[in-house]
Amino acid sequence: MRITRKLEFDAGHRIPDHASQCRHLHGHRYTLEVTLAGGIIEAAGKPVNGMVMDFADVKQIAKTHLVDHWDHAFLVYKGDKSVVDFLASLPDHKTAVLDVIPTAENLAELAFRTLDPLYRDVYGNQLRLERVRLFETPNCWADALRTELVPGQVRP
């Protein structure tokens, strides 16, 4: 069985090497979908009975470990030195300095790798993270899938 929880957040970014508008500082209303797979829990009398995982728990994990860090922040690549320095000069500015350029693809992969160890088989139902889908706009998104993210694999 698969379940999905959707969360939304606002963040700024820029793609330094982009050939068009995205090389400029701008922001998006991102949507993050977290899809988990696992068996339906059979535990009579327990609050999780009949579920793969309580949607409130799915939300809390993603919110605490990812969304709260990115929401209303500027997501900046650490190699984009002039922007990193500029953002550091702004008092109390919320900035998330990343090891990757903040494209939808890289953010989806980073979100998957961040969340993957947090969604584990707590109830004996083989719970696992299957997909993180990150919408940059309502019409553009990237999927990070378990089948494509082999631990230790070097990206082409």
N, C-alpha and C. Protein backbone atom coordinates (compact mmCIF):
# COMPACT_ATOMS: atom_id res chain seq x y z
N MET A 1 0.85 -1.17 0.00
CA MET A 1 0.00 0.00 0.00
C MET A 1 0.89 1.23 0.00
N ARG A 2 0.46 2.26 -0.70
CA ARG A 2 1.18 3.53 -0.72
C ARG A 2 0.27 4.65 -0.20
N ILE A 3 0.87 5.55 0.58
CA ILE A 3 0.17 6.74 1.05
C ILE A 3 1.03 7.96 0.73
N THR A 4 0.37 9.09 0.55
CA THR A 4 1.09 10.33 0.23
C THR A 4 0.55 11.46 1.08
N ARG A 5 1.48 12.27 1.61
CA ARG A 5 1.14 13.47 2.37
C ARG A 5 1.74 14.65 1.65
N LYS A 6 0.95 15.71 1.47
CA LYS A 6 1.39 16.91 0.77
C LYS A 6 1.63 18.02 1.80
N LEU A 7 2.75 18.74 1.62
CA LEU A 7 3.06 19.91 2.43
C LEU A 7 3.46 21.03 1.48
N GLU A 8 3.25 22.27 1.89
CA GLU A 8 3.63 23.41 1.06
C GLU A 8 4.52 24.35 1.85
N PHE A 9 5.39 25.03 1.11
CA PHE A 9 6.25 26.03 1.73
C PHE A 9 6.67 27.04 0.67
N ASP A 10 7.11 28.19 1.15
CA ASP A 10 7.59 29.26 0.28
C ASP A 10 9.09 29.41 0.47
N ALA A 11 9.80 29.57 -0.64
CA ALA A 11 11.25 29.75 -0.54
C ALA A 11 11.76 30.47 -1.78
N GLY A 12 12.88 31.15 -1.60
CA GLY A 12 13.56 31.79 -2.73
C GLY A 12 14.74 30.94 -3.15
N HIS A 13 15.19 31.18 -4.38
CA HIS A 13 16.39 30.52 -4.89
C HIS A 13 16.83 31.23 -6.16
N ARG A 14 17.91 30.75 -6.70
CA ARG A 14 18.34 31.13 -8.03
C ARG A 14 19.18 30.00 -8.58
N ILE A 15 19.19 29.88 -9.90
CA ILE A 15 19.99 28.87 -10.58
C ILE A 15 21.11 29.64 -11.28
N PRO A 16 22.29 29.68 -10.68
CA PRO A 16 23.34 30.58 -11.17
C PRO A 16 23.72 30.39 -12.63
N ASP A 17 23.68 29.19 -13.16
CA ASP A 17 24.11 28.95 -14.54
C ASP A 17 22.96 28.94 -15.54
N HIS A 18 21.77 29.24 -15.09
CA HIS A 18 20.60 29.17 -15.97
C HIS A 18 20.70 30.19 -17.10
N ALA A 19 20.22 29.82 -18.27
CA ALA A 19 20.32 30.67 -19.45
C ALA A 19 19.21 31.72 -19.52
N SER A 20 18.22 31.63 -18.63
CA SER A 20 17.09 32.54 -18.73
C SER A 20 16.79 33.16 -17.36
N GLN A 21 15.51 33.41 -17.09
CA GLN A 21 15.07 34.16 -15.91
C GLN A 21 15.48 33.55 -14.57
N CYS A 22 15.63 32.26 -14.51
CA CYS A 22 15.89 31.61 -13.22
C CYS A 22 17.29 31.89 -12.67
N ARG A 23 18.11 32.58 -13.42
CA ARG A 23 19.42 32.95 -12.88
C ARG A 23 19.30 34.14 -11.92
N HIS A 24 18.12 34.77 -11.91
CA HIS A 24 17.87 35.90 -11.02
C HIS A 24 17.27 35.42 -9.70
N LEU A 25 17.44 36.21 -8.66
CA LEU A 25 16.82 35.89 -7.37
C LEU A 25 15.31 35.91 -7.54
N HIS A 26 14.64 34.85 -7.11
CA HIS A 26 13.18 34.77 -7.19
C HIS A 26 12.69 33.71 -6.22
N GLY A 27 11.38 33.55 -6.14
CA GLY A 27 10.83 32.59 -5.20
C GLY A 27 9.70 31.78 -5.78
N HIS A 28 9.31 30.75 -5.04
CA HIS A 28 8.25 29.85 -5.46
C HIS A 28 7.40 29.46 -4.26
N ARG A 29 6.18 29.04 -4.55
CA ARG A 29 5.33 28.33 -3.59
C ARG A 29 5.53 26.86 -3.91
N TYR A 30 6.40 26.21 -3.18
CA TYR A 30 6.73 24.80 -3.42
C TYR A 30 5.66 23.89 -2.80
N THR A 31 5.46 22.75 -3.42
CA THR A 31 4.64 21.69 -2.86
C THR A 31 5.51 20.45 -2.78
N LEU A 32 5.52 19.83 -1.62
CA LEU A 32 6.29 18.63 -1.38
C LEU A 32 5.32 17.49 -1.12
N GLU A 33 5.46 16.41 -1.88
CA GLU A 33 4.66 15.21 -1.64
C GLU A 33 5.59 14.10 -1.17
N VAL A 34 5.24 13.51 -0.05
CA VAL A 34 6.02 12.42 0.54
C VAL A 34 5.17 11.15 0.39
N THR A 35 5.69 10.18 -0.35
CA THR A 35 4.97 8.92 -0.56
C THR A 35 5.70 7.79 0.16
N LEU A 36 4.95 7.11 1.01
CA LEU A 36 5.47 5.99 1.78
C LEU A 36 4.79 4.70 1.33
N ALA A 37 5.50 3.60 1.44
CA ALA A 37 4.94 2.29 1.14
C ALA A 37 5.09 1.42 2.37
N GLY A 38 4.13 0.54 2.55
CA GLY A 38 4.18 -0.39 3.66
C GLY A 38 2.88 -1.14 3.77
N GLY A 39 2.86 -2.10 4.64
CA GLY A 39 1.64 -2.85 4.86
C GLY A 39 0.68 -2.07 5.75
N ILE A 40 -0.59 -2.39 5.62
CA ILE A 40 -1.60 -1.78 6.49
C ILE A 40 -1.47 -2.44 7.87
N ILE A 41 -1.36 -1.63 8.89
CA ILE A 41 -1.12 -2.10 10.25
C ILE A 41 -2.40 -2.73 10.80
N GLU A 42 -2.24 -3.92 11.33
CA GLU A 42 -3.34 -4.60 12.00
C GLU A 42 -3.00 -4.68 13.48
N ALA A 43 -3.53 -3.72 14.24
CA ALA A 43 -3.24 -3.63 15.67
C ALA A 43 -4.50 -3.14 16.37
N ALA A 44 -5.41 -4.05 16.61
CA ALA A 44 -6.70 -3.70 17.22
C ALA A 44 -6.50 -2.88 18.48
N GLY A 45 -7.27 -1.82 18.57
CA GLY A 45 -7.24 -0.96 19.74
C GLY A 45 -6.15 0.09 19.75
N LYS A 46 -5.24 0.05 18.77
CA LYS A 46 -4.17 1.06 18.70
C LYS A 46 -4.57 2.15 17.70
N PRO A 47 -4.11 3.39 17.92
CA PRO A 47 -4.50 4.49 17.04
C PRO A 47 -4.09 4.32 15.58
N VAL A 48 -3.08 3.51 15.30
CA VAL A 48 -2.61 3.33 13.92
C VAL A 48 -3.26 2.14 13.22
N ASN A 49 -4.18 1.49 13.89
CA ASN A 49 -4.84 0.32 13.31
C ASN A 49 -5.51 0.70 11.98
N GLY A 50 -5.22 -0.07 10.94
CA GLY A 50 -5.81 0.17 9.62
C GLY A 50 -5.05 1.17 8.77
N MET A 51 -3.90 1.66 9.24
CA MET A 51 -3.11 2.66 8.53
C MET A 51 -1.75 2.09 8.11
N VAL A 52 -1.12 2.75 7.15
CA VAL A 52 0.30 2.50 6.86
C VAL A 52 1.13 3.32 7.85
N MET A 53 0.75 4.57 8.02
CA MET A 53 1.32 5.47 9.03
C MET A 53 0.31 6.60 9.19
N ASP A 54 0.17 7.12 10.37
CA ASP A 54 -0.74 8.23 10.60
C ASP A 54 -0.26 9.43 9.79
N PHE A 55 -1.15 10.03 9.00
CA PHE A 55 -0.78 11.18 8.17
C PHE A 55 -0.20 12.32 9.00
N ALA A 56 -0.67 12.47 10.24
CA ALA A 56 -0.13 13.52 11.11
C ALA A 56 1.35 13.26 11.41
N ASP A 57 1.72 11.99 11.57
CA ASP A 57 3.12 11.63 11.82
C ASP A 57 3.97 11.84 10.57
N VAL A 58 3.41 11.50 9.41
CA VAL A 58 4.12 11.74 8.15
C VAL A 58 4.43 13.23 8.03
N LYS A 59 3.44 14.06 8.29
CA LYS A 59 3.61 15.51 8.21
C LYS A 59 4.64 16.01 9.21
N GLN A 60 4.53 15.56 10.45
CA GLN A 60 5.42 16.07 11.49
C GLN A 60 6.88 15.79 11.18
N ILE A 61 7.18 14.61 10.69
CA ILE A 61 8.56 14.27 10.35
C ILE A 61 9.08 15.16 9.23
N ALA A 62 8.31 15.30 8.15
CA ALA A 62 8.75 16.13 7.02
C ALA A 62 8.86 17.59 7.43
N LYS A 63 7.93 18.06 8.23
CA LYS A 63 7.93 19.46 8.66
C LYS A 63 9.14 19.76 9.55
N THR A 64 9.36 18.90 10.53
CA THR A 64 10.44 19.12 11.49
C THR A 64 11.82 19.05 10.84
N HIS A 65 12.02 18.09 9.95
CA HIS A 65 13.36 17.81 9.45
C HIS A 65 13.67 18.44 8.10
N LEU A 66 12.65 19.04 7.44
CA LEU A 66 12.91 19.63 6.13
C LEU A 66 12.15 20.94 5.93
N VAL A 67 10.84 20.89 5.96
CA VAL A 67 10.03 22.06 5.61
C VAL A 67 10.32 23.24 6.52
N ASP A 68 10.43 23.03 7.82
CA ASP A 68 10.71 24.14 8.72
C ASP A 68 12.05 24.82 8.41
N HIS A 69 12.99 24.08 7.85
CA HIS A 69 14.30 24.64 7.50
C HIS A 69 14.25 25.42 6.19
N TRP A 70 13.39 25.01 5.28
CA TRP A 70 13.33 25.63 3.95
C TRP A 70 12.23 26.68 3.82
N ASP A 71 11.20 26.61 4.65
CA ASP A 71 10.08 27.53 4.51
C ASP A 71 10.50 28.97 4.82
N HIS A 72 10.17 29.86 3.91
CA HIS A 72 10.51 31.27 4.00
C HIS A 72 12.02 31.50 4.16
N ALA A 73 12.78 30.63 3.55
CA ALA A 73 14.24 30.77 3.52
C ALA A 73 14.66 31.01 2.08
N PHE A 74 15.89 31.44 1.92
CA PHE A 74 16.48 31.49 0.59
C PHE A 74 17.39 30.29 0.48
N LEU A 75 17.11 29.43 -0.50
CA LEU A 75 17.89 28.21 -0.72
C LEU A 75 19.01 28.55 -1.70
N VAL A 76 20.23 28.52 -1.22
CA VAL A 76 21.35 28.98 -2.02
C VAL A 76 22.45 27.92 -2.07
N TYR A 77 23.03 27.76 -3.24
CA TYR A 77 24.15 26.85 -3.44
C TYR A 77 25.40 27.46 -2.81
N LYS A 78 26.12 26.66 -2.04
CA LYS A 78 27.30 27.18 -1.34
C LYS A 78 28.35 27.74 -2.29
N GLY A 79 28.37 27.28 -3.54
CA GLY A 79 29.31 27.78 -4.53
C GLY A 79 28.90 29.10 -5.17
N ASP A 80 27.71 29.57 -4.87
CA ASP A 80 27.21 30.84 -5.38
C ASP A 80 27.64 31.93 -4.39
N LYS A 81 28.95 32.14 -4.34
CA LYS A 81 29.60 32.91 -3.27
C LYS A 81 29.05 34.33 -3.10
N SER A 82 28.82 35.04 -4.19
CA SER A 82 28.35 36.43 -4.04
C SER A 82 26.97 36.48 -3.40
N VAL A 83 26.11 35.52 -3.73
CA VAL A 83 24.77 35.49 -3.13
C VAL A 83 24.86 35.02 -1.68
N VAL A 84 25.70 34.04 -1.40
CA VAL A 84 25.90 33.60 -0.01
C VAL A 84 26.36 34.78 0.84
N ASP A 85 27.33 35.52 0.35
CA ASP A 85 27.85 36.67 1.09
C ASP A 85 26.79 37.76 1.25
N PHE A 86 26.02 38.02 0.19
CA PHE A 86 24.96 39.02 0.26
C PHE A 86 23.93 38.64 1.32
N LEU A 87 23.47 37.39 1.29
CA LEU A 87 22.46 36.95 2.25
C LEU A 87 23.00 36.99 3.68
N ALA A 88 24.28 36.69 3.84
CA ALA A 88 24.89 36.74 5.17
C ALA A 88 24.94 38.18 5.71
N SER A 89 24.92 39.16 4.81
CA SER A 89 24.97 40.56 5.24
C SER A 89 23.61 41.07 5.72
N LEU A 90 22.55 40.32 5.49
CA LEU A 90 21.20 40.73 5.90
C LEU A 90 20.93 40.24 7.32
N PRO A 91 20.67 41.15 8.24
CA PRO A 91 20.44 40.74 9.63
C PRO A 91 19.24 39.78 9.74
N ASP A 92 19.43 38.72 10.47
CA ASP A 92 18.38 37.74 10.77
C ASP A 92 17.71 37.15 9.54
N HIS A 93 18.43 37.08 8.42
CA HIS A 93 17.86 36.49 7.21
C HIS A 93 17.92 34.97 7.30
N LYS A 94 16.83 34.33 6.92
CA LYS A 94 16.77 32.87 6.95
C LYS A 94 17.32 32.34 5.63
N THR A 95 18.47 31.71 5.71
CA THR A 95 19.16 31.19 4.53
C THR A 95 19.50 29.73 4.76
N ALA A 96 19.26 28.91 3.75
CA ALA A 96 19.68 27.51 3.79
C ALA A 96 20.77 27.35 2.74
N VAL A 97 22.00 27.19 3.18
CA VAL A 97 23.13 27.01 2.28
C VAL A 97 23.23 25.52 1.97
N LEU A 98 23.16 25.20 0.68
CA LEU A 98 23.09 23.80 0.24
C LEU A 98 24.36 23.38 -0.50
N ASP A 99 24.62 22.09 -0.49
CA ASP A 99 25.75 21.52 -1.22
C ASP A 99 25.45 21.35 -2.71
N VAL A 100 24.20 21.62 -3.11
CA VAL A 100 23.77 21.45 -4.50
C VAL A 100 23.09 22.72 -4.99
N ILE A 101 23.11 22.90 -6.30
CA ILE A 101 22.36 24.02 -6.90
C ILE A 101 20.88 23.74 -6.69
N PRO A 102 20.10 24.71 -6.21
CA PRO A 102 18.72 24.44 -5.82
C PRO A 102 17.72 24.34 -6.99
N THR A 103 17.99 23.41 -7.90
CA THR A 103 17.01 23.09 -8.93
C THR A 103 15.95 22.19 -8.31
N ALA A 104 14.83 22.05 -8.97
CA ALA A 104 13.78 21.16 -8.47
C ALA A 104 14.32 19.73 -8.33
N GLU A 105 15.11 19.32 -9.31
CA GLU A 105 15.67 17.96 -9.28
C GLU A 105 16.57 17.75 -8.07
N ASN A 106 17.49 18.68 -7.85
CA ASN A 106 18.41 18.55 -6.72
C ASN A 106 17.69 18.65 -5.39
N LEU A 107 16.71 19.54 -5.29
CA LEU A 107 15.97 19.68 -4.05
C LEU A 107 15.16 18.42 -3.75
N ALA A 108 14.55 17.82 -4.77
CA ALA A 108 13.80 16.59 -4.56
C ALA A 108 14.72 15.47 -4.07
N GLU A 109 15.89 15.36 -4.68
CA GLU A 109 16.85 14.33 -4.27
C GLU A 109 17.36 14.59 -2.86
N LEU A 110 17.66 15.84 -2.55
CA LEU A 110 18.12 16.19 -1.21
C LEU A 110 17.03 15.91 -0.17
N ALA A 111 15.79 16.24 -0.51
CA ALA A 111 14.68 15.95 0.40
C ALA A 111 14.55 14.45 0.63
N PHE A 112 14.67 13.67 -0.43
CA PHE A 112 14.58 12.22 -0.28
C PHE A 112 15.66 11.71 0.65
N ARG A 113 16.89 12.11 0.40
CA ARG A 113 18.01 11.63 1.21
C ARG A 113 17.90 12.09 2.67
N THR A 114 17.33 13.26 2.88
CA THR A 114 17.13 13.77 4.25
C THR A 114 16.05 12.97 4.97
N LEU A 115 14.95 12.70 4.30
CA LEU A 115 13.80 12.06 4.94
C LEU A 115 13.89 10.54 5.00
N ASP A 116 14.61 9.94 4.08
CA ASP A 116 14.63 8.47 3.98
C ASP A 116 14.93 7.77 5.30
N PRO A 117 15.96 8.15 6.04
CA PRO A 117 16.22 7.40 7.28
C PRO A 117 15.18 7.64 8.37
N LEU A 118 14.31 8.63 8.19
CA LEU A 118 13.35 8.98 9.23
C LEU A 118 12.04 8.21 9.14
N TYR A 119 11.75 7.72 7.94
CA TYR A 119 10.53 6.92 7.76
C TYR A 119 10.97 5.46 7.72
N ARG A 120 10.86 4.81 8.84
CA ARG A 120 11.33 3.44 8.96
C ARG A 120 10.22 2.55 9.50
N ASP A 121 10.47 1.28 9.45
CA ASP A 121 9.52 0.25 9.83
C ASP A 121 9.31 0.24 11.35
N VAL A 122 8.50 1.17 11.82
CA VAL A 122 8.25 1.30 13.25
C VAL A 122 7.21 0.29 13.73
N TYR A 123 6.24 -0.05 12.89
CA TYR A 123 5.12 -0.87 13.30
C TYR A 123 5.18 -2.30 12.76
N GLY A 124 6.33 -2.71 12.22
CA GLY A 124 6.45 -4.04 11.66
C GLY A 124 5.71 -4.19 10.35
N ASN A 125 5.52 -3.08 9.65
CA ASN A 125 4.77 -3.12 8.39
C ASN A 125 5.63 -2.81 7.17
N GLN A 126 6.96 -2.92 7.32
CA GLN A 126 7.92 -2.69 6.23
C GLN A 126 7.79 -1.29 5.63
N LEU A 127 7.57 -0.30 6.49
CA LEU A 127 7.43 1.09 6.06
C LEU A 127 8.72 1.58 5.43
N ARG A 128 8.60 2.29 4.31
CA ARG A 128 9.77 2.88 3.66
C ARG A 128 9.32 4.06 2.80
N LEU A 129 10.22 5.01 2.62
CA LEU A 129 9.99 6.13 1.73
C LEU A 129 10.14 5.65 0.30
N GLU A 130 9.16 5.92 -0.53
CA GLU A 130 9.19 5.48 -1.93
C GLU A 130 9.48 6.63 -2.89
N ARG A 131 8.91 7.81 -2.60
CA ARG A 131 9.05 8.90 -3.54
C ARG A 131 8.93 10.22 -2.82
N VAL A 132 9.71 11.19 -3.27
CA VAL A 132 9.52 12.59 -2.91
C VAL A 132 9.27 13.32 -4.22
N ARG A 133 8.14 13.97 -4.31
CA ARG A 133 7.82 14.79 -5.48
C ARG A 133 7.83 16.24 -5.02
N LEU A 134 8.61 17.05 -5.73
CA LEU A 134 8.70 18.47 -5.38
C LEU A 134 8.20 19.29 -6.57
N PHE A 135 7.10 19.99 -6.34
CA PHE A 135 6.57 20.92 -7.34
C PHE A 135 7.24 22.27 -7.13
N GLU A 136 7.87 22.77 -8.18
CA GLU A 136 8.42 24.12 -8.14
C GLU A 136 7.34 25.12 -8.52
N THR A 137 6.50 24.72 -9.45
CA THR A 137 5.31 25.47 -9.85
C THR A 137 4.20 24.43 -10.00
N PRO A 138 2.96 24.86 -10.18
CA PRO A 138 1.89 23.86 -10.38
C PRO A 138 2.10 22.98 -11.61
N ASN A 139 2.91 23.45 -12.57
CA ASN A 139 3.12 22.72 -13.82
C ASN A 139 4.48 22.05 -13.95
N CYS A 140 5.36 22.23 -12.96
CA CYS A 140 6.73 21.71 -13.06
C CYS A 140 7.12 21.04 -11.75
N TRP A 141 7.58 19.79 -11.85
CA TRP A 141 7.98 19.07 -10.66
C TRP A 141 9.08 18.07 -10.98
N ALA A 142 9.69 17.57 -9.92
CA ALA A 142 10.72 16.54 -10.03
C ALA A 142 10.39 15.44 -9.03
N ASP A 143 10.64 14.20 -9.44
CA ASP A 143 10.43 13.05 -8.58
C ASP A 143 11.77 12.41 -8.22
N ALA A 144 11.98 12.20 -6.95
CA ALA A 144 13.10 11.39 -6.48
C ALA A 144 12.50 10.07 -6.01
N LEU A 145 12.91 9.00 -6.67
CA LEU A 145 12.33 7.68 -6.42
C LEU A 145 13.36 6.75 -5.79
N ARG A 146 12.90 5.91 -4.88
CA ARG A 146 13.80 4.95 -4.23
C ARG A 146 14.55 4.12 -5.26
N THR A 147 13.89 3.69 -6.31
CA THR A 147 14.51 2.81 -7.30
C THR A 147 15.64 3.50 -8.06
N GLU A 148 15.66 4.82 -8.04
CA GLU A 148 16.70 5.56 -8.78
C GLU A 148 17.82 6.05 -7.88
N LEU A 149 17.66 5.98 -6.58
CA LEU A 149 18.66 6.51 -5.66
C LEU A 149 19.35 5.36 -4.93
N VAL A 150 20.38 4.84 -5.55
CA VAL A 150 21.15 3.74 -4.97
C VAL A 150 22.16 4.34 -4.01
N PRO A 151 22.21 3.86 -2.74
CA PRO A 151 23.16 4.41 -1.78
C PRO A 151 24.59 4.34 -2.30
N GLY A 152 25.30 5.45 -2.19
CA GLY A 152 26.68 5.50 -2.61
C GLY A 152 26.90 5.66 -4.10
N GLN A 153 25.81 5.69 -4.85
CA GLN A 153 25.93 5.81 -6.31
C GLN A 153 26.38 7.22 -6.69
N VAL A 154 27.28 7.30 -7.63
CA VAL A 154 27.72 8.59 -8.16
C VAL A 154 26.76 8.97 -9.28
N ARG A 155 26.25 10.18 -9.20
CA ARG A 155 25.32 10.63 -10.25
C ARG A 155 26.09 10.86 -11.54
N PRO A 156 25.46 10.53 -12.68
CA PRO A 156 26.13 10.76 -13.97
C PRO A 156 26.34 12.23 -14.24
